[in-house]
């Protein structure tokens, strides 16, 4: 690996030097609830199950969104002669995979990106190919896997303009990493051009895997209980919110309550541990938290849905939703999830993570972009006033989302060609 540029060589030396501190780091994360105490060894590269016989394709995604996007592709790639291994990095994604993966598809926590942990992982699993989802570019994983002859693909690739600017400052390191991929499948042509400019080869735009993901699941009994508790009250749903956005949604609630005094505002934070903070922000407004097992009652003004895996419930309950991560420069959360459930979408100006999806949905709806509390209030009031308009926008959102499909089949075709040798390394 003497061909590595200075930046990557320095990274590898630093991760070797810091590797003895990895157990300390993991224990600190465990105390903050970010690691599974029973599975810490997996983070150090130690396996929890034997390697299956035959060809093995490894898929890796960072968290819940990437793991959900993988599911249709797993079904498409899995054959009697080919096994699948899934890794991710968060407890929430591990819990999701425990529920959603086929029984014969193992899930492991991804190893920390130190040479030792990555080597232990690769020595045991010996994958024939590794598919990294979205923007997961871990230098030691890429370098070590490439050195072992593992075929590498970046799938559902995503790179914002801001990330591209940062990578350009380390152009030699970016080229050294991206040129090791046999295949680079971007979500759109603009992203594909960014990857090419940084040194990726065999690059093409395939669309977003998330557009082909199945509708979010829901528990029918929980849905009926929640629907019964809410009754006919109008619902303002703010889904997947980040710090800095709840402070906008709460004044929207206050403004709307002047015309709709029985309004129930449901806030679903992107990270459930923020439930306490949101309840505090609500101040004197009557609050109930779902993590405490509570349902909203007639006095509840703000219902904080600080649980995991229940977005499917709330998108089915509401006629429209504000999708978070978009009022702040985060890039926006996935708008296809509500749209597929006929829930109209509104979002702020920062939607770089799903540019094409937001464009398609907003074009179909004819509206949805909001940049302030006043704009959210105005659009929500319009939809409360005219339920037929809200229904029409929800149907339009679903139609817009439907135009985004096809990425799974395009990705499967490209990956099969790579596995068959159709994409030679440069």
Protein backbone atom coordinates (compact mmCIF):
# COMPACT_ATOMS: atom_id res chain seq x y z
CA UNK A 1 0.00 0.00 0.00
CA UNK A 2 2.94 2.28 -0.69
CA UNK A 3 0.88 4.06 -3.39
CA UNK A 4 -1.24 5.86 -0.82
CA UNK A 5 -1.03 9.67 -0.78
CA UNK A 6 0.21 11.44 2.32
CA UNK A 7 -3.26 12.19 3.66
CA UNK A 8 -4.38 8.54 3.59
CA UNK A 9 -1.06 7.32 4.95
CA UNK A 10 -1.40 9.74 7.85
CA UNK A 11 -4.97 8.55 8.47
CA UNK A 12 -3.86 4.92 8.57
CA UNK A 13 -0.99 5.68 10.95
CA UNK A 14 -3.33 7.67 13.21
CA UNK A 15 -5.89 4.85 13.35
CA UNK A 16 -3.13 2.35 14.19
CA UNK A 17 -1.90 4.61 17.00
CA UNK A 18 -5.39 5.20 18.37
CA UNK A 19 -6.56 1.57 18.10
CA UNK A 20 -5.61 0.73 21.73
CA UNK A 21 -8.11 3.40 22.82
CA UNK A 22 -10.96 1.80 20.86
CA UNK A 23 -12.32 -0.18 23.85
CA UNK A 24 -12.40 3.03 25.91
CA UNK A 25 -14.24 4.85 23.13
CA UNK A 26 -16.76 2.03 22.83
CA UNK A 27 -17.41 2.01 26.59
CA UNK A 28 -18.03 5.77 26.51
CA UNK A 29 -20.47 5.31 23.64
CA UNK A 30 -22.10 2.46 25.57
CA UNK A 31 -22.72 4.79 28.51
CA UNK A 32 -24.42 7.24 26.14
CA UNK A 33 -26.66 4.49 24.82
CA UNK A 34 -25.00 4.41 21.38
CA UNK A 35 -23.63 0.87 21.51
CA UNK A 36 -25.03 -2.57 22.31
CA UNK A 37 -23.11 -3.89 25.30
CA UNK A 38 -23.59 -7.51 24.25
CA UNK A 39 -22.11 -6.87 20.82
CA UNK A 40 -19.11 -4.61 21.43
CA UNK A 41 -16.72 -7.26 20.10
CA UNK A 42 -18.29 -6.94 16.66
CA UNK A 43 -17.12 -3.32 16.58
CA UNK A 44 -13.58 -4.63 17.06
CA UNK A 45 -13.94 -6.97 14.10
CA UNK A 46 -14.74 -10.18 15.98
CA UNK A 47 -17.50 -12.24 14.30
CA UNK A 48 -20.72 -13.30 15.98
CA UNK A 49 -21.57 -16.08 13.52
CA UNK A 50 -19.81 -18.39 11.05
CA UNK A 51 -19.24 -17.46 7.44
CA UNK A 52 -21.72 -19.12 5.08
CA UNK A 53 -20.40 -21.37 2.34
CA UNK A 54 -20.13 -20.13 -1.23
CA UNK A 55 -20.15 -16.62 -2.62
CA UNK A 56 -20.71 -13.83 -0.08
CA UNK A 57 -21.80 -10.29 -0.87
CA UNK A 58 -21.40 -7.77 1.95
CA UNK A 59 -23.72 -4.74 2.10
CA UNK A 60 -22.95 -1.88 4.47
CA UNK A 61 -25.06 1.13 5.40
CA UNK A 62 -24.62 3.68 8.14
CA UNK A 63 -28.03 3.67 9.80
CA UNK A 64 -31.77 3.11 9.45
CA UNK A 65 -32.33 4.91 6.14
CA UNK A 66 -29.55 3.09 4.34
CA UNK A 67 -30.61 -0.26 5.79
CA UNK A 68 -34.19 0.23 4.64
CA UNK A 69 -32.90 1.09 1.18
CA UNK A 70 -30.94 -2.18 1.12
CA UNK A 71 -33.90 -4.47 1.72
CA UNK A 72 -35.24 -4.77 -1.85
CA UNK A 73 -31.68 -5.13 -3.18
CA UNK A 74 -30.96 -7.93 -0.72
CA UNK A 75 -33.93 -9.83 -2.11
CA UNK A 76 -32.78 -9.12 -5.66
CA UNK A 77 -29.18 -10.28 -5.12
CA UNK A 78 -29.71 -13.27 -2.86
CA UNK A 79 -29.59 -16.66 -4.65
CA UNK A 80 -29.22 -20.30 -3.53
CA UNK A 81 -25.49 -20.05 -4.31
CA UNK A 82 -24.94 -16.57 -2.91
CA UNK A 83 -25.21 -15.39 0.69
CA UNK A 84 -25.61 -11.84 1.95
CA UNK A 85 -23.99 -10.19 4.97
CA UNK A 86 -25.33 -6.87 6.26
CA UNK A 87 -23.45 -4.42 8.48
CA UNK A 88 -24.46 -1.09 9.94
CA UNK A 89 -23.22 1.23 12.64
CA UNK A 90 -26.13 2.09 14.94
CA UNK A 91 -28.28 0.33 17.50
CA UNK A 92 -31.45 1.55 15.82
CA UNK A 93 -30.44 0.03 12.49
CA UNK A 94 -29.50 -3.24 14.21
CA UNK A 95 -32.94 -3.42 15.83
CA UNK A 96 -34.58 -2.75 12.48
CA UNK A 97 -32.52 -5.41 10.72
CA UNK A 98 -33.40 -7.94 13.43
CA UNK A 99 -37.05 -7.46 12.44
CA UNK A 100 -36.74 -7.10 8.68
CA UNK A 101 -33.87 -9.30 7.43
CA UNK A 102 -34.47 -12.85 6.22
CA UNK A 103 -33.42 -15.41 8.84
CA UNK A 104 -30.48 -16.60 6.77
CA UNK A 105 -29.00 -13.10 6.30
CA UNK A 106 -26.73 -12.23 9.25
CA UNK A 107 -26.32 -8.72 10.59
CA UNK A 108 -23.08 -7.55 12.20
CA UNK A 109 -22.10 -4.20 13.58
CA UNK A 110 -19.53 -2.67 11.25
CA UNK A 111 -15.97 -2.78 12.58
CA UNK A 112 -14.38 0.45 13.66
CA UNK A 113 -12.26 1.82 10.83
CA UNK A 114 -8.93 0.76 12.29
CA UNK A 115 -6.61 -1.54 10.29
CA UNK A 116 -6.75 -4.24 12.98
CA UNK A 117 -10.54 -4.34 13.37
CA UNK A 118 -11.09 -4.22 9.61
CA UNK A 119 -8.52 -6.99 9.03
CA UNK A 120 -10.15 -9.28 11.61
CA UNK A 121 -13.53 -8.68 10.00
CA UNK A 122 -12.27 -9.38 6.48
CA UNK A 123 -10.20 -12.41 7.50
CA UNK A 124 -13.31 -14.07 8.90
CA UNK A 125 -15.98 -13.08 6.38
CA UNK A 126 -13.84 -13.13 3.20
CA UNK A 127 -16.49 -11.33 1.10
CA UNK A 128 -16.38 -11.67 -2.65
CA UNK A 129 -17.86 -8.21 -3.04
CA UNK A 130 -18.60 -5.24 -0.78
CA UNK A 131 -21.38 -2.77 -1.54
CA UNK A 132 -21.29 0.48 0.43
CA UNK A 133 -24.55 2.45 0.51
CA UNK A 134 -24.90 6.23 0.09
CA UNK A 135 -21.84 8.13 1.35
CA UNK A 136 -20.09 5.45 3.40
CA UNK A 137 -16.44 5.84 2.39
CA UNK A 138 -14.25 4.47 5.18
CA UNK A 139 -10.58 4.59 4.14
CA UNK A 140 -9.33 1.47 5.94
CA UNK A 141 -12.33 -0.60 4.83
CA UNK A 142 -11.80 0.42 1.23
CA UNK A 143 -8.02 0.00 1.19
CA UNK A 144 -7.96 -3.32 3.07
CA UNK A 145 -10.81 -4.85 1.06
CA UNK A 146 -9.26 -3.77 -2.24
CA UNK A 147 -5.90 -5.25 -1.21
CA UNK A 148 -7.63 -8.62 -0.65
CA UNK A 149 -9.20 -8.58 -4.11
CA UNK A 150 -12.72 -7.86 -2.90
CA UNK A 151 -14.82 -6.27 -5.65
CA UNK A 152 -15.99 -2.88 -4.42
CA UNK A 153 -19.06 -0.84 -5.30
CA UNK A 154 -20.48 2.39 -3.98
CA UNK A 155 -24.24 2.11 -4.51
CA UNK A 156 -27.00 4.66 -4.09
CA UNK A 157 -24.09 7.08 -4.02
CA UNK A 158 -24.71 10.51 -2.60
CA UNK A 159 -22.42 13.53 -2.33
CA UNK A 160 -23.72 17.01 -1.62
CA UNK A 161 -22.15 20.12 -3.12
CA UNK A 162 -20.74 20.95 0.31
CA UNK A 163 -19.13 17.50 0.68
CA UNK A 164 -17.74 17.77 -2.86
CA UNK A 165 -16.08 21.05 -1.95
CA UNK A 166 -14.46 19.42 1.09
CA UNK A 167 -13.29 16.38 -0.90
CA UNK A 168 -11.71 18.63 -3.55
CA UNK A 169 -9.37 19.93 -0.87
CA UNK A 170 -8.09 16.34 -0.49
CA UNK A 171 -8.26 15.45 -4.17
CA UNK A 172 -5.38 12.94 -4.14
CA UNK A 173 -6.86 11.02 -1.21
CA UNK A 174 -10.31 11.08 -2.82
CA UNK A 175 -8.89 9.72 -6.08
CA UNK A 176 -6.92 7.01 -4.25
CA UNK A 177 -10.12 5.81 -2.57
CA UNK A 178 -12.66 6.21 -5.35
CA UNK A 179 -10.40 4.65 -7.99
CA UNK A 180 -10.40 1.47 -5.92
CA UNK A 181 -14.13 1.00 -6.53
CA UNK A 182 -15.02 -1.28 -9.40
CA UNK A 183 -18.38 0.41 -9.65
CA UNK A 184 -19.84 3.71 -8.52
CA UNK A 185 -23.62 4.07 -8.83
CA UNK A 186 -24.88 7.57 -8.05
CA UNK A 187 -28.40 8.66 -7.22
CA UNK A 188 -28.39 11.32 -9.95
CA UNK A 189 -26.22 12.66 -12.75
CA UNK A 190 -25.00 15.67 -10.76
CA UNK A 191 -23.62 13.32 -8.10
CA UNK A 192 -22.14 11.04 -10.74
CA UNK A 193 -20.24 14.02 -12.19
CA UNK A 194 -18.87 14.85 -8.74
CA UNK A 195 -17.62 11.29 -8.28
CA UNK A 196 -16.00 11.33 -11.74
CA UNK A 197 -14.30 14.65 -10.98
CA UNK A 198 -12.80 13.10 -7.84
CA UNK A 199 -11.38 10.06 -9.65
CA UNK A 200 -14.14 7.42 -9.67
CA UNK A 201 -14.36 5.17 -12.72
CA UNK A 202 -17.24 2.99 -14.01
CA UNK A 203 -19.64 5.64 -12.72
CA UNK A 204 -23.29 5.94 -13.69
CA UNK A 205 -26.53 7.41 -12.35
CA UNK A 206 -29.10 4.78 -11.29
CA UNK A 207 -31.57 6.72 -9.17
CA UNK A 208 -32.25 6.26 -5.47
CA UNK A 209 -32.77 2.85 -3.90
CA UNK A 210 -35.01 4.56 -1.36
CA UNK A 211 -37.51 5.21 -4.14
CA UNK A 212 -37.98 1.44 -4.48
CA UNK A 213 -38.20 0.71 -0.77
CA UNK A 214 -41.51 -0.78 0.40
CA UNK A 215 -43.95 1.49 2.32
CA UNK A 216 -43.05 1.91 5.95
CA UNK A 217 -44.60 -0.82 8.10
CA UNK A 218 -46.99 -0.17 10.95
CA UNK A 219 -48.67 -2.01 13.79
CA UNK A 220 -52.40 -2.17 13.07
CA UNK A 221 -53.41 -2.36 16.75
CA UNK A 222 -51.22 0.61 17.66
CA UNK A 223 -52.65 2.54 14.73
CA UNK A 224 -56.23 1.93 15.84
CA UNK A 225 -55.43 2.87 19.44
CA UNK A 226 -53.79 6.10 18.36
CA UNK A 227 -56.54 6.93 15.88
CA UNK A 228 -59.17 6.37 18.55
CA UNK A 229 -57.31 8.58 21.02
CA UNK A 230 -57.02 11.43 18.50
CA UNK A 231 -60.55 11.22 17.12
CA UNK A 232 -61.43 13.96 14.66
CA UNK A 233 -58.80 16.44 15.85
CA UNK A 234 -56.73 18.10 13.10
CA UNK A 235 -53.11 16.89 13.09
CA UNK A 236 -49.97 18.91 12.39
CA UNK A 237 -47.19 16.34 11.87
CA UNK A 238 -43.52 17.35 12.02
CA UNK A 239 -41.49 14.24 11.19
CA UNK A 240 -37.79 13.54 11.62
CA UNK A 241 -37.03 16.93 13.16
CA UNK A 242 -33.56 18.06 14.15
CA UNK A 243 -32.39 20.55 16.79
CA UNK A 244 -33.35 24.04 15.68
CA UNK A 245 -36.52 22.92 13.89
CA UNK A 246 -38.79 22.21 16.86
CA UNK A 247 -38.30 25.86 17.83
CA UNK A 248 -40.04 26.73 14.54
CA UNK A 249 -42.77 24.09 14.72
CA UNK A 250 -43.96 25.09 18.20
CA UNK A 251 -44.82 28.70 17.17
CA UNK A 252 -46.59 27.24 14.12
CA UNK A 253 -48.69 25.20 16.54
CA UNK A 254 -49.53 28.31 18.54
CA UNK A 255 -50.54 30.27 15.45
CA UNK A 256 -52.75 27.47 14.13
CA UNK A 257 -54.44 26.92 17.50
CA UNK A 258 -56.01 30.36 17.18
CA UNK A 259 -58.16 29.02 14.33
CA UNK A 260 -58.10 25.33 15.28
CA UNK A 261 -58.23 25.18 19.09
CA UNK A 262 -58.34 21.36 19.15
CA UNK A 263 -55.17 21.04 17.02
CA UNK A 264 -52.82 18.22 17.96
CA UNK A 265 -49.20 18.68 16.93
CA UNK A 266 -47.18 15.48 16.67
CA UNK A 267 -43.40 15.85 16.67
CA UNK A 268 -41.33 12.82 15.68
CA UNK A 269 -37.67 13.63 16.36
CA UNK A 270 -35.07 12.13 14.07
CA UNK A 271 -33.26 10.90 17.18
CA UNK A 272 -35.66 9.63 19.90
CA UNK A 273 -33.36 10.59 22.78
CA UNK A 274 -34.30 14.21 22.05
CA UNK A 275 -37.79 13.60 23.44
CA UNK A 276 -36.86 15.14 26.79
CA UNK A 277 -35.48 18.28 25.12
CA UNK A 278 -38.60 18.73 22.99
CA UNK A 279 -40.88 18.32 26.01
CA UNK A 280 -38.88 21.02 27.78
CA UNK A 281 -39.08 23.31 24.74
CA UNK A 282 -42.87 22.92 24.77
CA UNK A 283 -42.94 24.83 28.06
CA UNK A 284 -46.48 25.24 29.40
CA UNK A 285 -48.11 23.57 26.39
CA UNK A 286 -49.64 20.25 27.55
CA UNK A 287 -47.27 17.47 26.41
CA UNK A 288 -47.35 13.70 26.32
CA UNK A 289 -44.50 11.44 25.27
CA UNK A 290 -44.95 8.19 23.43
CA UNK A 291 -41.77 6.72 24.94
CA UNK A 292 -43.57 6.82 28.31
CA UNK A 293 -46.42 4.71 26.92
CA UNK A 294 -48.84 7.62 26.81
CA UNK A 295 -51.51 8.28 24.22
CA UNK A 296 -52.70 11.86 23.60
CA UNK A 297 -55.80 12.86 25.52
CA UNK A 298 -58.19 15.76 24.94
CA UNK A 299 -55.89 18.21 26.73
CA UNK A 300 -52.67 17.19 24.92
CA UNK A 301 -51.36 19.92 22.64
CA UNK A 302 -47.96 18.42 21.76
CA UNK A 303 -47.46 14.69 21.34
CA UNK A 304 -43.77 13.77 21.21
CA UNK A 305 -43.37 10.49 19.34
CA UNK A 306 -39.91 9.68 20.67
CA UNK A 307 -39.89 5.99 19.74
CA UNK A 308 -38.27 3.93 17.00
CA UNK A 309 -39.77 2.42 13.88
CA UNK A 310 -43.21 4.02 14.10
CA UNK A 311 -43.10 6.62 11.34
CA UNK A 312 -45.44 4.44 9.30
CA UNK A 313 -48.13 5.05 11.94
CA UNK A 314 -47.91 8.81 11.80
CA UNK A 315 -47.66 9.19 8.04
CA UNK A 316 -50.85 7.12 7.79
CA UNK A 317 -52.62 9.29 10.38
CA UNK A 318 -51.80 12.70 8.92
CA UNK A 319 -52.91 14.19 5.60
CA UNK A 320 -49.65 16.13 5.30
CA UNK A 321 -46.31 16.34 7.05
CA UNK A 322 -43.43 18.72 7.46
CA UNK A 323 -40.29 16.64 6.80
CA UNK A 324 -37.36 17.64 8.99
CA UNK A 325 -33.68 18.17 8.43
CA UNK A 326 -34.71 20.78 5.88
CA UNK A 327 -35.01 24.05 7.81
CA UNK A 328 -31.38 23.66 8.85
CA UNK A 329 -28.43 22.85 6.55
CA UNK A 330 -28.68 19.09 7.09
CA UNK A 331 -30.01 18.19 3.65
CA UNK A 332 -33.51 16.96 4.45
CA UNK A 333 -34.87 13.56 5.45
CA UNK A 334 -36.49 11.11 3.04
CA UNK A 335 -39.70 12.61 1.50
CA UNK A 336 -40.55 9.38 -0.33
CA UNK A 337 -41.67 7.73 2.92
CA UNK A 338 -44.67 10.01 3.50
CA UNK A 339 -45.38 10.43 -0.22
CA UNK A 340 -45.75 6.69 -0.78
CA UNK A 341 -48.44 6.72 1.91
CA UNK A 342 -50.43 9.55 0.25
CA UNK A 343 -49.23 12.02 2.85
CA UNK A 344 -48.50 15.41 1.26
CA UNK A 345 -45.01 16.78 1.85
CA UNK A 346 -43.75 20.17 2.95
CA UNK A 347 -40.08 20.89 3.65
CA UNK A 348 -37.62 23.71 4.08
CA UNK A 349 -34.96 24.96 1.66
CA UNK A 350 -32.22 22.48 2.58
CA UNK A 351 -33.01 19.27 0.67
CA UNK A 352 -29.68 18.36 -0.94
CA UNK A 353 -29.83 14.77 0.37
CA UNK A 354 -32.85 14.00 -1.85
CA UNK A 355 -32.75 16.63 -4.59
CA UNK A 356 -34.54 14.62 -7.27
CA UNK A 357 -37.14 13.17 -4.90
CA UNK A 358 -38.14 16.57 -3.54
CA UNK A 359 -38.18 18.02 -7.05
CA UNK A 360 -40.50 15.27 -8.31
CA UNK A 361 -42.85 15.45 -5.32
CA UNK A 362 -43.07 19.26 -5.22
CA UNK A 363 -43.60 19.39 -8.99
CA UNK A 364 -46.48 16.91 -8.68
CA UNK A 365 -48.00 18.73 -5.70
CA UNK A 366 -47.46 22.21 -7.13
CA UNK A 367 -46.43 23.38 -3.65
CA UNK A 368 -44.61 22.24 -0.52
CA UNK A 369 -41.50 24.38 -0.18
CA UNK A 370 -41.57 26.37 3.07
CA UNK A 371 -38.86 28.49 4.62
CA UNK A 372 -40.36 29.94 7.80
CA UNK A 373 -42.93 29.47 10.52
CA UNK A 374 -45.24 31.86 8.68
CA UNK A 375 -45.08 29.81 5.47
CA UNK A 376 -45.64 26.51 7.28
CA UNK A 377 -48.61 28.07 9.10
CA UNK A 378 -50.14 29.41 5.87
CA UNK A 379 -49.87 26.13 3.96
CA UNK A 380 -51.09 24.03 6.91
CA UNK A 381 -54.08 26.36 7.43
CA UNK A 382 -54.93 26.09 3.74
CA UNK A 383 -54.93 22.29 3.92
CA UNK A 384 -56.94 22.20 7.16
CA UNK A 385 -59.48 24.52 5.57
CA UNK A 386 -59.77 22.40 2.44
CA UNK A 387 -59.53 18.64 3.14
CA UNK A 388 -60.14 17.86 -0.54
CA UNK A 389 -57.04 19.89 -1.43
CA UNK A 390 -55.03 18.01 1.20
CA UNK A 391 -56.23 14.70 -0.26
CA UNK A 392 -55.34 15.83 -3.78
CA UNK A 393 -51.83 16.86 -2.69
CA UNK A 394 -51.32 13.51 -0.98
CA UNK A 395 -52.28 11.66 -4.14
CA UNK A 396 -50.01 13.92 -6.17
CA UNK A 397 -47.13 13.24 -3.77
CA UNK A 398 -47.62 9.50 -4.30
CA UNK A 399 -47.61 10.00 -8.07
CA UNK A 400 -44.43 12.05 -7.87
CA UNK A 401 -42.74 9.40 -5.75
CA UNK A 402 -43.76 6.69 -8.22
CA UNK A 403 -41.77 8.39 -10.99
CA UNK A 404 -38.57 7.82 -9.01
CA UNK A 405 -38.61 4.00 -9.15
CA UNK A 406 -36.34 1.57 -10.98
CA UNK A 407 -33.09 1.96 -9.06
CA UNK A 408 -33.12 -1.56 -7.56
CA UNK A 409 -33.21 -3.28 -10.95
CA UNK A 410 -30.57 -0.96 -12.42
CA UNK A 411 -28.34 -1.54 -9.39
CA UNK A 412 -28.87 -5.31 -9.49
CA UNK A 413 -27.94 -5.44 -13.17
CA UNK A 414 -24.77 -3.41 -12.64
CA UNK A 415 -23.71 -5.42 -9.58
CA UNK A 416 -24.31 -8.75 -11.35
CA UNK A 417 -22.12 -7.56 -14.23
CA UNK A 418 -19.41 -6.55 -11.75
CA UNK A 419 -19.56 -9.94 -10.04
CA UNK A 420 -19.31 -11.63 -13.44
CA UNK A 421 -16.22 -9.61 -14.28
CA UNK A 422 -17.91 -7.04 -16.49
CA UNK A 423 -16.32 -4.13 -14.66
CA UNK A 424 -12.57 -4.58 -14.62
CA UNK A 425 -10.41 -2.59 -12.29
CA UNK A 426 -8.43 0.19 -13.96
